[in-house]
Structure formats: C-alpha cells, structure tokens
Amino acid sequence: MIYLLLAIWFGLMTGIVGRIRGSSFFIWAIIGAVVPVIGLVVALAYRSERDEVRRQCPTCGKVVKLHDAMCMRCGTDLDFPEVGIEPESAALQRS
C-alpha cells in the first residue's frame, strides 16, 4: 500500500516537472510511477523543449523545432536551415 502511494506521488511530481519542461504530463507521470525516484531524477535532468531553436516550414509557415525532419502539418520534408528562429523561452522573456 505504501509503495502504491509513493508511486502515485512520484508519478504526479514527475508529470508536473515534465510538463514544466514542455513535454507530455502523462508520459512523464507514467515514467515516474513505474520507476519512482529514478523517473523524477531523469525528468529534472531532461532538457527543456522550450529552449530548442525553431524554424519555419517553407510550405505552410508553421513554426517547428529545428531538429524536426518533417512538418507535422503539411508533411513537407525539411532541410537543415541556414538560420533558425529564437527559442520559445527567449521569446517569452522579452514579452
């Protein structure tokens, strides 16, 4: 019973940390519940999605992460660009 409560608590905390870093709450909550302490440590060490440099799709104009190889809106294969758009975190700090 105690393990179940700890797994739920670590799952929630790991999910919250994952969401703050820009990832899926549910995926990180499952990871945190399955491997409680290790999942939380990994979520804390994981890179933030908001710090990724972005680029614009030349076909539909959607802003996607620089490392994406395909636009999820229109399906265009994306080549590596010469320049990127500033990360979301930098844009939010200026606002």
PDB file of N, CA and C in Angstrom:
ATOM      1  N   MET A   1       0.813  -1.194   0.000  1.00  0.00           N
ATOM      2  CA  MET A   1       0.000   0.000   0.000  1.00  0.00           C
ATOM      3  C   MET A   1       0.860   1.263   0.000  1.00  0.00           C
ATOM      4  N   ILE A   2       1.927   1.240   0.783  1.00  0.00           N
ATOM      5  CA  ILE A   2       2.811   2.411   0.840  1.00  0.00           C
ATOM      6  C   ILE A   2       3.496   2.616  -0.513  1.00  0.00           C
ATOM      7  N   TYR A   3       3.924   1.517  -1.147  1.00  0.00           N
ATOM      8  CA  TYR A   3       4.565   1.638  -2.455  1.00  0.00           C
ATOM      9  C   TYR A   3       3.608   2.254  -3.472  1.00  0.00           C
ATOM     10  N   LEU A   4       2.349   1.869  -3.425  1.00  0.00           N
ATOM     11  CA  LEU A   4       1.362   2.409  -4.360  1.00  0.00           C
ATOM     12  C   LEU A   4       1.191   3.920  -4.170  1.00  0.00           C
ATOM     13  N   LEU A   5       1.132   4.365  -2.921  1.00  0.00           N
ATOM     14  CA  LEU A   5       1.024   5.801  -2.649  1.00  0.00           C
ATOM     15  C   LEU A   5       2.269   6.551  -3.106  1.00  0.00           C
ATOM     16  N   LEU A   6       3.444   5.975  -2.854  1.00  0.00           N
ATOM     17  CA  LEU A   6       4.681   6.603  -3.323  1.00  0.00           C
ATOM     18  C   LEU A   6       4.740   6.658  -4.847  1.00  0.00           C
ATOM     19  N   ALA A   7       4.304   5.590  -5.502  1.00  0.00           N
ATOM     20  CA  ALA A   7       4.313   5.563  -6.966  1.00  0.00           C
ATOM     21  C   ALA A   7       3.378   6.631  -7.535  1.00  0.00           C
ATOM     22  N   ILE A   8       2.209   6.796  -6.923  1.00  0.00           N
ATOM     23  CA  ILE A   8       1.280   7.829  -7.387  1.00  0.00           C
ATOM     24  C   ILE A   8       1.859   9.217  -7.161  1.00  0.00           C
ATOM     25  N   TRP A   9       2.438   9.444  -5.975  1.00  0.00           N
ATOM     26  CA  TRP A   9       3.017  10.750  -5.668  1.00  0.00           C
ATOM     27  C   TRP A   9       4.172  11.082  -6.614  1.00  0.00           C
ATOM     28  N   PHE A  10       5.111  10.125  -6.790  1.00  0.00           N
ATOM     29  CA  PHE A  10       6.224  10.359  -7.701  1.00  0.00           C
ATOM     30  C   PHE A  10       5.741  10.510  -9.140  1.00  0.00           C
ATOM     31  N   GLY A  11       4.693   9.788  -9.515  1.00  0.00           N
ATOM     32  CA  GLY A  11       4.135   9.934 -10.853  1.00  0.00           C
ATOM     33  C   GLY A  11       3.603  11.335 -11.087  1.00  0.00           C
ATOM     34  N   LEU A  12       2.874  11.866 -10.117  1.00  0.00           N
ATOM     35  CA  LEU A  12       2.355  13.232 -10.244  1.00  0.00           C
ATOM     36  C   LEU A  12       3.478  14.264 -10.286  1.00  0.00           C
ATOM     37  N   MET A  13       4.445  14.130  -9.391  1.00  0.00           N
ATOM     38  CA  MET A  13       5.555  15.093  -9.353  1.00  0.00           C
ATOM     39  C   MET A  13       6.388  15.038 -10.634  1.00  0.00           C
ATOM     40  N   THR A  14       6.645  13.836 -11.118  1.00  0.00           N
ATOM     41  CA  THR A  14       7.413  13.694 -12.358  1.00  0.00           C
ATOM     42  C   THR A  14       6.630  14.254 -13.539  1.00  0.00           C
ATOM     43  N   GLY A  15       5.321  14.033 -13.567  1.00  0.00           N
ATOM     44  CA  GLY A  15       4.480  14.587 -14.626  1.00  0.00           C
ATOM     45  C   GLY A  15       4.476  16.101 -14.616  1.00  0.00           C
ATOM     46  N   ILE A  16       4.431  16.691 -13.434  1.00  0.00           N
ATOM     47  CA  ILE A  16       4.458  18.154 -13.322  1.00  0.00           C
ATOM     48  C   ILE A  16       5.789  18.713 -13.813  1.00  0.00           C
ATOM     49  N   VAL A  17       6.885  18.084 -13.410  1.00  0.00           N
ATOM     50  CA  VAL A  17       8.213  18.535 -13.867  1.00  0.00           C
ATOM     51  C   VAL A  17       8.315  18.401 -15.383  1.00  0.00           C
ATOM     52  N   GLY A  18       7.843  17.279 -15.923  1.00  0.00           N
ATOM     53  CA  GLY A  18       7.872  17.082 -17.376  1.00  0.00           C
ATOM     54  C   GLY A  18       7.057  18.121 -18.115  1.00  0.00           C
ATOM     55  N   ARG A  19       5.903  18.480 -17.561  1.00  0.00           N
ATOM     56  CA  ARG A  19       5.045  19.494 -18.202  1.00  0.00           C
ATOM     57  C   ARG A  19       5.684  20.874 -18.150  1.00  0.00           C
ATOM     58  N   ILE A  20       6.326  21.197 -17.032  1.00  0.00           N
ATOM     59  CA  ILE A  20       7.024  22.475 -16.918  1.00  0.00           C
ATOM     60  C   ILE A  20       8.140  22.572 -17.956  1.00  0.00           C
ATOM     61  N   ARG A  21       8.782  21.454 -18.247  1.00  0.00           N
ATOM     62  CA  ARG A  21       9.856  21.434 -19.242  1.00  0.00           C
ATOM     63  C   ARG A  21       9.342  21.375 -20.673  1.00  0.00           C
ATOM     64  N   GLY A  22       8.025  21.315 -20.861  1.00  0.00           N
ATOM     65  CA  GLY A  22       7.445  21.380 -22.197  1.00  0.00           C
ATOM     66  C   GLY A  22       7.090  20.047 -22.812  1.00  0.00           C
ATOM     67  N   SER A  23       7.200  18.952 -22.059  1.00  0.00           N
ATOM     68  CA  SER A  23       6.865  17.631 -22.577  1.00  0.00           C
ATOM     69  C   SER A  23       5.475  17.216 -22.112  1.00  0.00           C
ATOM     70  N   SER A  24       5.112  15.989 -22.408  1.00  0.00           N
ATOM     71  CA  SER A  24       3.798  15.468 -22.053  1.00  0.00           C
ATOM     72  C   SER A  24       3.721  15.120 -20.571  1.00  0.00           C
ATOM     73  N   PHE A  25       2.682  15.609 -19.902  1.00  0.00           N
ATOM     74  CA  PHE A  25       2.461  15.284 -18.492  1.00  0.00           C
ATOM     75  C   PHE A  25       2.252  13.797 -18.313  1.00  0.00           C
ATOM     76  N   PHE A  26       1.417  13.180 -19.156  1.00  0.00           N
ATOM     77  CA  PHE A  26       1.042  11.783 -18.973  1.00  0.00           C
ATOM     78  C   PHE A  26       2.207  10.829 -19.187  1.00  0.00           C
ATOM     79  N   ILE A  27       3.035  11.086 -20.178  1.00  0.00           N
ATOM     80  CA  ILE A  27       4.195  10.216 -20.408  1.00  0.00           C
ATOM     81  C   ILE A  27       5.138  10.263 -19.214  1.00  0.00           C
ATOM     82  N   TRP A  28       5.438  11.473 -18.734  1.00  0.00           N
ATOM     83  CA  TRP A  28       6.336  11.589 -17.585  1.00  0.00           C
ATOM     84  C   TRP A  28       5.694  11.045 -16.318  1.00  0.00           C
ATOM     85  N   ALA A  29       4.377  11.158 -16.162  1.00  0.00           N
ATOM     86  CA  ALA A  29       3.705  10.603 -14.987  1.00  0.00           C
ATOM     87  C   ALA A  29       3.811   9.077 -14.973  1.00  0.00           C
ATOM     88  N   ILE A  30       3.677   8.461 -16.123  1.00  0.00           N
ATOM     89  CA  ILE A  30       3.826   7.004 -16.201  1.00  0.00           C
ATOM     90  C   ILE A  30       5.249   6.595 -15.862  1.00  0.00           C
ATOM     91  N   ILE A  31       6.228   7.313 -16.413  1.00  0.00           N
ATOM     92  CA  ILE A  31       7.631   7.011 -16.106  1.00  0.00           C
ATOM     93  C   ILE A  31       7.887   7.169 -14.613  1.00  0.00           C
ATOM     94  N   GLY A  32       7.382   8.249 -14.024  1.00  0.00           N
ATOM     95  CA  GLY A  32       7.580   8.484 -12.595  1.00  0.00           C
ATOM     96  C   GLY A  32       6.887   7.455 -11.719  1.00  0.00           C
ATOM     97  N   ALA A  33       5.763   6.914 -12.155  1.00  0.00           N
ATOM     98  CA  ALA A  33       5.057   5.905 -11.367  1.00  0.00           C
ATOM     99  C   ALA A  33       5.714   4.533 -11.484  1.00  0.00           C
ATOM    100  N   VAL A  34       6.263   4.223 -12.643  1.00  0.00           N
ATOM    101  CA  VAL A  34       6.886   2.911 -12.841  1.00  0.00           C
ATOM    102  C   VAL A  34       8.240   2.829 -12.136  1.00  0.00           C
ATOM    103  N   VAL A  35       9.057   3.847 -12.276  1.00  0.00           N
ATOM    104  CA  VAL A  35      10.359   3.904 -11.594  1.00  0.00           C
ATOM    105  C   VAL A  35      10.419   5.206 -10.784  1.00  0.00           C
ATOM    106  N   PRO A  36       9.860   5.201  -9.592  1.00  0.00           N
ATOM    107  CA  PRO A  36       9.606   6.442  -8.862  1.00  0.00           C
ATOM    108  C   PRO A  36      10.777   7.406  -8.703  1.00  0.00           C
ATOM    109  N   VAL A  37      11.814   7.061  -8.037  1.00  0.00           N
ATOM    110  CA  VAL A  37      12.894   8.023  -7.762  1.00  0.00           C
ATOM    111  C   VAL A  37      13.688   8.312  -9.028  1.00  0.00           C
ATOM    112  N   ILE A  38      14.019   7.281  -9.766  1.00  0.00           N
ATOM    113  CA  ILE A  38      14.819   7.443 -10.986  1.00  0.00           C
ATOM    114  C   ILE A  38      14.059   8.277 -12.018  1.00  0.00           C
ATOM    115  N   GLY A  39      12.761   8.072 -12.142  1.00  0.00           N
ATOM    116  CA  GLY A  39      11.961   8.841 -13.095  1.00  0.00           C
ATOM    117  C   GLY A  39      11.975  10.324 -12.798  1.00  0.00           C
ATOM    118  N   LEU A  40      11.880  10.679 -11.515  1.00  0.00           N
ATOM    119  CA  LEU A  40      11.907  12.091 -11.131  1.00  0.00           C
ATOM    120  C   LEU A  40      13.276  12.711 -11.404  1.00  0.00           C
ATOM    121  N   VAL A  41      14.333  11.969 -11.114  1.00  0.00           N
ATOM    122  CA  VAL A  41      15.692  12.477 -11.377  1.00  0.00           C
ATOM    123  C   VAL A  41      15.903  12.692 -12.874  1.00  0.00           C
ATOM    124  N   VAL A  42      15.436  11.753 -13.687  1.00  0.00           N
ATOM    125  CA  VAL A  42      15.578  11.887 -15.138  1.00  0.00           C
ATOM    126  C   VAL A  42      14.771  13.071 -15.651  1.00  0.00           C
ATOM    127  N   ALA A  43      13.566  13.271 -15.127  1.00  0.00           N
ATOM    128  CA  ALA A  43      12.742  14.407 -15.553  1.00  0.00           C
ATOM    129  C   ALA A  43      13.414  15.728 -15.194  1.00  0.00           C
ATOM    130  N   LEU A  44      14.062  15.786 -14.044  1.00  0.00           N
ATOM    131  CA  LEU A  44      14.771  17.004 -13.649  1.00  0.00           C
ATOM    132  C   LEU A  44      15.990  17.261 -14.531  1.00  0.00           C
ATOM    133  N   ALA A  45      16.642  16.202 -14.987  1.00  0.00           N
ATOM    134  CA  ALA A  45      17.841  16.344 -15.816  1.00  0.00           C
ATOM    135  C   ALA A  45      17.532  16.495 -17.300  1.00  0.00           C
ATOM    136  N   TYR A  46      16.296  16.217 -17.707  1.00  0.00           N
ATOM    137  CA  TYR A  46      15.902  16.255 -19.125  1.00  0.00           C
ATOM    138  C   TYR A  46      15.934  17.688 -19.646  1.00  0.00           C
ATOM    139  N   ARG A  47      16.314  17.850 -20.886  1.00  0.00           N
ATOM    140  CA  ARG A  47      16.389  19.185 -21.480  1.00  0.00           C
ATOM    141  C   ARG A  47      14.998  19.779 -21.643  1.00  0.00           C
ATOM    142  N   SER A  48      14.925  21.062 -21.640  1.00  0.00           N
ATOM    143  CA  SER A  48      13.642  21.741 -21.781  1.00  0.00           C
ATOM    144  C   SER A  48      13.307  21.913 -23.254  1.00  0.00           C
ATOM    145  N   GLU A  49      12.092  21.559 -23.627  1.00  0.00           N
ATOM    146  CA  GLU A  49      11.644  21.708 -25.010  1.00  0.00           C
ATOM    147  C   GLU A  49      11.529  23.172 -25.408  1.00  0.00           C
ATOM    148  N   ARG A  50      11.352  24.048 -24.441  1.00  0.00           N
ATOM    149  CA  ARG A  50      11.186  25.470 -24.739  1.00  0.00           C
ATOM    150  C   ARG A  50      12.510  26.145 -25.088  1.00  0.00           C
ATOM    151  N   ASP A  51      13.643  25.471 -24.836  1.00  0.00           N
ATOM    152  CA  ASP A  51      14.951  26.042 -25.140  1.00  0.00           C
ATOM    153  C   ASP A  51      15.459  25.635 -26.517  1.00  0.00           C
ATOM    154  N   GLU A  52      14.672  24.896 -27.274  1.00  0.00           N
ATOM    155  CA  GLU A  52      15.079  24.436 -28.604  1.00  0.00           C
ATOM    156  C   GLU A  52      14.918  25.547 -29.641  1.00  0.00           C
ATOM    157  N   VAL A  53      15.903  25.668 -30.511  1.00  0.00           N
ATOM    158  CA  VAL A  53      15.823  26.623 -31.621  1.00  0.00           C
ATOM    159  C   VAL A  53      14.767  26.117 -32.596  1.00  0.00           C
ATOM    160  N   ARG A  54      14.043  27.035 -33.214  1.00  0.00           N
ATOM    161  CA  ARG A  54      12.940  26.665 -34.097  1.00  0.00           C
ATOM    162  C   ARG A  54      13.215  27.144 -35.526  1.00  0.00           C
ATOM    163  N   ARG A  55      12.365  26.690 -36.444  1.00  0.00           N
ATOM    164  CA  ARG A  55      12.410  27.154 -37.833  1.00  0.00           C
ATOM    165  C   ARG A  55      10.997  27.148 -38.387  1.00  0.00           C
ATOM    166  N   GLN A  56      10.836  27.803 -39.539  1.00  0.00           N
ATOM    167  CA  GLN A  56       9.510  27.907 -40.153  1.00  0.00           C
ATOM    168  C   GLN A  56       9.441  27.004 -41.372  1.00  0.00           C
ATOM    169  N   CYS A  57       8.337  26.291 -41.523  1.00  0.00           N
ATOM    170  CA  CYS A  57       8.128  25.429 -42.689  1.00  0.00           C
ATOM    171  C   CYS A  57       7.958  26.315 -43.921  1.00  0.00           C
ATOM    172  N   PRO A  58       8.692  26.038 -45.007  1.00  0.00           N
ATOM    173  CA  PRO A  58       8.573  26.873 -46.198  1.00  0.00           C
ATOM    174  C   PRO A  58       7.243  26.710 -46.939  1.00  0.00           C
ATOM    175  N   THR A  59       6.546  25.608 -46.722  1.00  0.00           N
ATOM    176  CA  THR A  59       5.296  25.361 -47.430  1.00  0.00           C
ATOM    177  C   THR A  59       4.086  25.975 -46.728  1.00  0.00           C
ATOM    178  N   CYS A  60       3.906  25.632 -45.435  1.00  0.00           N
ATOM    179  CA  CYS A  60       2.692  26.083 -44.744  1.00  0.00           C
ATOM    180  C   CYS A  60       2.953  27.197 -43.735  1.00  0.00           C
ATOM    181  N   GLY A  61       4.206  27.441 -43.382  1.00  0.00           N
ATOM    182  CA  GLY A  61       4.539  28.527 -42.466  1.00  0.00           C
ATOM    183  C   GLY A  61       4.497  28.170 -40.994  1.00  0.00           C
ATOM    184  N   LYS A  62       4.224  26.918 -40.650  1.00  0.00           N
ATOM    185  CA  LYS A  62       4.179  26.515 -39.245  1.00  0.00           C
ATOM    186  C   LYS A  62       5.583  26.557 -38.655  1.00  0.00           C
ATOM    187  N   VAL A  63       5.699  27.023 -37.421  1.00  0.00           N
ATOM    188  CA  VAL A  63       6.975  27.063 -36.731  1.00  0.00           C
ATOM    189  C   VAL A  63       7.172  25.720 -36.027  1.00  0.00           C
ATOM    190  N   VAL A  64       8.267  25.018 -36.381  1.00  0.00           N
ATOM    191  CA  VAL A  64       8.572  23.704 -35.821  1.00  0.00           C
ATOM    192  C   VAL A  64       9.955  23.734 -35.192  1.00  0.00           C
ATOM    193  N   LYS A  65      10.277  22.721 -34.410  1.00  0.00           N
ATOM    194  CA  LYS A  65      11.601  22.622 -33.789  1.00  0.00           C
ATOM    195  C   LYS A  65      12.655  22.408 -34.874  1.00  0.00           C
ATOM    196  N   LEU A  66      13.858  22.887 -34.623  1.00  0.00           N
ATOM    197  CA  LEU A  66      14.944  22.803 -35.598  1.00  0.00           C
ATOM    198  C   LEU A  66      15.287  21.355 -35.944  1.00  0.00           C
ATOM    199  N   HIS A  67      15.196  20.458 -34.978  1.00  0.00           N
ATOM    200  CA  HIS A  67      15.574  19.061 -35.210  1.00  0.00           C
ATOM    201  C   HIS A  67      14.502  18.237 -35.915  1.00  0.00           C
ATOM    202  N   ASP A  68      13.305  18.792 -36.128  1.00  0.00           N
ATOM    203  CA  ASP A  68      12.256  18.063 -36.840  1.00  0.00           C
ATOM    204  C   ASP A  68      12.633  17.906 -38.310  1.00  0.00           C
ATOM    205  N   ALA A  69      12.482  16.691 -38.827  1.00  0.00           N
ATOM    206  CA  ALA A  69      12.825  16.421 -40.217  1.00  0.00           C
ATOM    207  C   ALA A  69      11.634  16.574 -41.148  1.00  0.00           C
ATOM    208  N   MET A  70      10.415  16.659 -40.577  1.00  0.00           N
ATOM    209  CA  MET A  70       9.217  16.764 -41.391  1.00  0.00           C
ATOM    210  C   MET A  70       8.211  17.661 -40.678  1.00  0.00           C
ATOM    211  N   CYS A  71       7.506  18.465 -41.452  1.00  0.00           N
ATOM    212  CA  CYS A  71       6.450  19.313 -40.900  1.00  0.00           C
ATOM    213  C   CYS A  71       5.242  18.437 -40.605  1.00  0.00           C
ATOM    214  N   MET A  72       4.754  18.495 -39.380  1.00  0.00           N
ATOM    215  CA  MET A  72       3.623  17.653 -38.994  1.00  0.00           C
ATOM    216  C   MET A  72       2.291  18.187 -39.520  1.00  0.00           C
ATOM    217  N   ARG A  73       2.252  19.422 -39.981  1.00  0.00           N
ATOM    218  CA  ARG A  73       1.005  19.977 -40.517  1.00  0.00           C
ATOM    219  C   ARG A  73       0.819  19.579 -41.978  1.00  0.00           C
ATOM    220  N   CYS A  74       1.841  19.791 -42.816  1.00  0.00           N
ATOM    221  CA  CYS A  74       1.659  19.570 -44.258  1.00  0.00           C
ATOM    222  C   CYS A  74       2.462  18.380 -44.800  1.00  0.00           C
ATOM    223  N   GLY A  75       3.384  17.822 -44.012  1.00  0.00           N
ATOM    224  CA  GLY A  75       4.144  16.655 -44.445  1.00  0.00           C
ATOM    225  C   GLY A  75       5.363  16.959 -45.293  1.00  0.00           C
ATOM    226  N   THR A  76       5.780  18.210 -45.375  1.00  0.00           N
ATOM    227  CA  THR A  76       6.941  18.589 -46.167  1.00  0.00           C
ATOM    228  C   THR A  76       8.225  18.109 -45.491  1.00  0.00           C
ATOM    229  N   ASP A  77       9.126  17.493 -46.270  1.00  0.00           N
ATOM    230  CA  ASP A  77      10.447  17.144 -45.753  1.00  0.00           C
ATOM    231  C   ASP A  77      11.252  18.426 -45.609  1.00  0.00           C
ATOM    232  N   LEU A  78      11.854  18.621 -44.446  1.00  0.00           N
ATOM    233  CA  LEU A  78      12.566  19.860 -44.156  1.00  0.00           C
ATOM    234  C   LEU A  78      14.065  19.643 -44.215  1.00  0.00           C
ATOM    235  N   ASP A  79      14.752  20.523 -44.938  1.00  0.00           N
ATOM    236  CA  ASP A  79      16.215  20.522 -44.964  1.00  0.00           C
ATOM    237  C   ASP A  79      16.705  21.353 -43.795  1.00  0.00           C
ATOM    238  N   PHE A  80      17.970  21.144 -43.406  1.00  0.00           N
ATOM    239  CA  PHE A  80      18.526  21.917 -42.304  1.00  0.00           C
ATOM    240  C   PHE A  80      18.702  23.364 -42.756  1.00  0.00           C
ATOM    241  N   PRO A  81      18.135  24.328 -42.030  1.00  0.00           N
ATOM    242  CA  PRO A  81      18.151  25.726 -42.483  1.00  0.00           C
ATOM    243  C   PRO A  81      19.468  26.433 -42.183  1.00  0.00           C
ATOM    244  N   GLU A  82      19.680  27.526 -42.874  1.00  0.00           N
ATOM    245  CA  GLU A  82      20.854  28.369 -42.629  1.00  0.00           C
ATOM    246  C   GLU A  82      20.715  29.115 -41.305  1.00  0.00           C
ATOM    247  N   VAL A  83      19.528  29.601 -41.021  1.00  0.00           N
ATOM    248  CA  VAL A  83      19.265  30.338 -39.778  1.00  0.00           C
ATOM    249  C   VAL A  83      18.035  29.757 -39.102  1.00  0.00           C
ATOM    250  N   GLY A  84      17.951  29.948 -37.794  1.00  0.00           N
ATOM    251  CA  GLY A  84      16.805  29.474 -37.040  1.00  0.00           C
ATOM    252  C   GLY A  84      16.099  30.633 -36.361  1.00  0.00           C
ATOM    253  N   ILE A  85      14.942  30.338 -35.793  1.00  0.00           N
ATOM    254  CA  ILE A  85      14.165  31.306 -35.040  1.00  0.00           C
ATOM    255  C   ILE A  85      14.497  31.100 -33.568  1.00  0.00           C
ATOM    256  N   GLU A  86      14.504  32.171 -32.791  1.00  0.00           N
ATOM    257  CA  GLU A  86      14.854  32.073 -31.378  1.00  0.00           C
ATOM    258  C   GLU A  86      13.944  31.089 -30.648  1.00  0.00           C
ATOM    259  N   PRO A  87      14.440  30.487 -29.570  1.00  0.00           N
ATOM    260  CA  PRO A  87      13.624  29.549 -28.793  1.00  0.00           C
ATOM    261  C   PRO A  87      12.426  30.222 -28.144  1.00  0.00           C
ATOM    262  N   GLU A  88      11.442  29.420 -27.774  1.00  0.00           N
ATOM    263  CA  GLU A  88      10.252  29.948 -27.112  1.00  0.00           C
ATOM    264  C   GLU A  88      10.601  30.630 -25.802  1.00  0.00           C
ATOM    265  N   SER A  89      11.571  30.082 -25.074  1.00  0.00           N
ATOM    266  CA  SER A  89      11.928  30.663 -23.776  1.00  0.00           C
ATOM    267  C   SER A  89      12.475  32.078 -23.938  1.00  0.00           C
ATOM    268  N   ALA A  90      13.258  32.316 -24.983  1.00  0.00           N
ATOM    269  CA  ALA A  90      13.794  33.669 -25.223  1.00  0.00           C
ATOM    270  C   ALA A  90      12.679  34.616 -25.650  1.00  0.00           C
ATOM    271  N   ALA A  91      11.749  34.134 -26.443  1.00  0.00           N
ATOM    272  CA  ALA A  91      10.639  34.985 -26.875  1.00  0.00           C
ATOM    273  C   ALA A  91       9.732  35.337 -25.703  1.00  0.00           C
ATOM    274  N   LEU A  92       9.537  34.409 -24.782  1.00  0.00           N
ATOM    275  CA  LEU A  92       8.693  34.664 -23.615  1.00  0.00           C
ATOM    276  C   LEU A  92       9.356  35.652 -22.648  1.00  0.00           C
ATOM    277  N   GLN A  93      10.677  35.610 -22.550  1.00  0.00           N
ATOM    278  CA  GLN A  93      11.380  36.513 -21.649  1.00  0.00           C
ATOM    279  C   GLN A  93      11.311  37.951 -22.121  1.00  0.00           C
ATOM    280  N   ARG A  94      11.293  38.153 -23.439  1.00  0.00           N
ATOM    281  CA  ARG A  94      11.225  39.510 -23.994  1.00  0.00           C
ATOM    282  C   ARG A  94       9.835  40.125 -23.842  1.00  0.00           C
ATOM    283  N   SER A  95       8.809  39.284 -23.754  1.00  0.00           N
ATOM    284  CA  SER A  95       7.421  39.788 -23.696  1.00  0.00           C
ATOM    285  C   SER A  95       7.095  40.401 -22.349  1.00  0.00           C
TER     286      SER A  95
END
